[in-house]
Amino acid sequence: MNQVEDLERQMREALGVAPKKVKTTREVSNPMRGYLIVLSVRGNSGPAFRFEHRSRSLSRTEAILEAEKAARAAGYKPWALLDAVEA
C-alpha cells in the first residue's frame, strides 16, 4: 500500500465513510451460468424417462434447443419439456 492509499484510508476512517469496496471475482461456488434443462425422452421402445442437460447459454430457448439436440445425438426422441431451471 503506498502513501496516498494509506492517507486516503485514514481520511475515510476519520470521516466515518465506508472504505472502498474491493472488487471481487465471481464466487467459486457457482462458476457456471446458464440453464439446467430437464426433458422427458423416449428410446426406440419402452417408457419415457428424464434426460438432463446443462447448458451455458443465457437464452432459455437456445438452451432448450441444445438439450433437444443432445437428446437426439444420444439416440432418444424428445417427448416433453419438464423443467428449465436457471443455474
Protein backbone atom coordinates (compact mmCIF):
# COMPACT_ATOMS: atom_id res chain seq x y z
CA MET A 1 0.00 0.00 0.00
CA ASN A 2 1.54 3.31 -0.97
CA GLN A 3 1.34 6.58 0.97
CA VAL A 4 -1.58 8.02 -1.00
CA GLU A 5 -3.74 4.93 -0.48
CA ASP A 6 -2.83 4.82 3.21
CA LEU A 7 -3.68 8.51 3.64
CA GLU A 8 -6.99 8.06 1.80
CA ARG A 9 -7.88 5.08 4.02
CA GLN A 10 -7.09 7.09 7.16
CA MET A 11 -9.17 10.04 5.96
CA ARG A 12 -12.13 7.81 5.15
CA GLU A 13 -11.93 6.20 8.59
CA ALA A 14 -11.74 9.61 10.29
CA LEU A 15 -14.79 10.89 8.38
CA GLY A 16 -16.76 7.71 9.06
CA VAL A 17 -17.13 6.95 5.37
CA ALA A 18 -17.22 3.30 4.41
CA PRO A 19 -13.98 2.05 2.90
CA LYS A 20 -13.75 1.45 -0.82
CA LYS A 21 -15.27 -1.84 -1.83
CA VAL A 22 -12.78 -4.34 -3.07
CA LYS A 23 -13.62 -5.72 -6.49
CA THR A 24 -14.05 -9.47 -6.33
CA THR A 25 -14.41 -12.07 -9.00
CA ARG A 26 -17.45 -14.30 -9.35
CA GLU A 27 -17.85 -16.74 -6.50
CA VAL A 28 -16.07 -20.02 -6.97
CA SER A 29 -19.09 -21.94 -5.72
CA ASN A 30 -21.10 -21.15 -8.87
CA PRO A 31 -18.73 -20.57 -11.79
CA MET A 32 -21.19 -21.76 -14.42
CA ARG A 33 -24.17 -19.72 -15.53
CA GLY A 34 -26.94 -20.93 -17.80
CA TYR A 35 -29.81 -23.39 -17.57
CA LEU A 36 -30.48 -26.91 -16.42
CA ILE A 37 -32.97 -28.37 -18.90
CA VAL A 38 -34.97 -31.47 -17.97
CA LEU A 39 -36.68 -33.30 -20.83
CA SER A 40 -38.88 -36.35 -20.97
CA VAL A 41 -37.42 -38.56 -23.71
CA ARG A 42 -38.16 -41.96 -25.22
CA GLY A 43 -35.84 -44.51 -26.69
CA ASN A 44 -36.80 -46.84 -29.53
CA SER A 45 -39.25 -48.60 -27.23
CA GLY A 46 -40.30 -48.51 -23.61
CA PRO A 47 -41.47 -45.81 -21.24
CA ALA A 48 -40.35 -42.20 -21.18
CA PHE A 49 -37.62 -41.13 -18.77
CA ARG A 50 -35.81 -37.99 -17.62
CA PHE A 51 -32.94 -36.53 -19.63
CA GLU A 52 -30.99 -33.66 -18.03
CA HIS A 53 -28.80 -31.26 -19.97
CA ARG A 54 -26.78 -28.39 -18.51
CA SER A 55 -26.42 -25.50 -20.94
CA ARG A 56 -24.10 -22.50 -20.70
CA SER A 57 -26.43 -20.44 -22.87
CA LEU A 58 -28.03 -17.37 -21.31
CA SER A 59 -31.04 -17.74 -23.60
CA ARG A 60 -33.73 -20.12 -22.31
CA THR A 61 -34.95 -21.00 -25.80
CA GLU A 62 -31.45 -21.70 -27.07
CA ALA A 63 -30.76 -23.89 -24.03
CA ILE A 64 -33.89 -25.95 -24.73
CA LEU A 65 -32.87 -26.40 -28.36
CA GLU A 66 -29.38 -27.50 -27.26
CA ALA A 67 -30.91 -30.06 -24.88
CA GLU A 68 -33.17 -31.47 -27.59
CA LYS A 69 -30.21 -31.72 -29.96
CA ALA A 70 -28.15 -33.52 -27.28
CA ALA A 71 -31.01 -35.96 -26.65
CA ARG A 72 -31.28 -36.75 -30.36
CA ALA A 73 -27.49 -37.22 -30.55
CA ALA A 74 -27.77 -39.75 -27.69
CA GLY A 75 -30.39 -41.68 -29.67
CA TYR A 76 -33.53 -40.51 -27.84
CA LYS A 77 -36.65 -38.73 -29.06
CA PRO A 78 -37.55 -35.62 -27.02
CA TRP A 79 -41.09 -36.09 -25.76
CA ALA A 80 -41.80 -33.09 -23.48
CA LEU A 81 -40.10 -30.29 -21.61
CA LEU A 82 -40.34 -30.99 -17.89
CA ASP A 83 -38.35 -28.09 -16.46
CA ALA A 84 -35.93 -25.29 -17.33
CA VAL A 85 -34.11 -24.07 -14.22
CA GLU A 86 -31.72 -21.15 -14.27
CA ALA A 87 -28.43 -22.38 -12.84
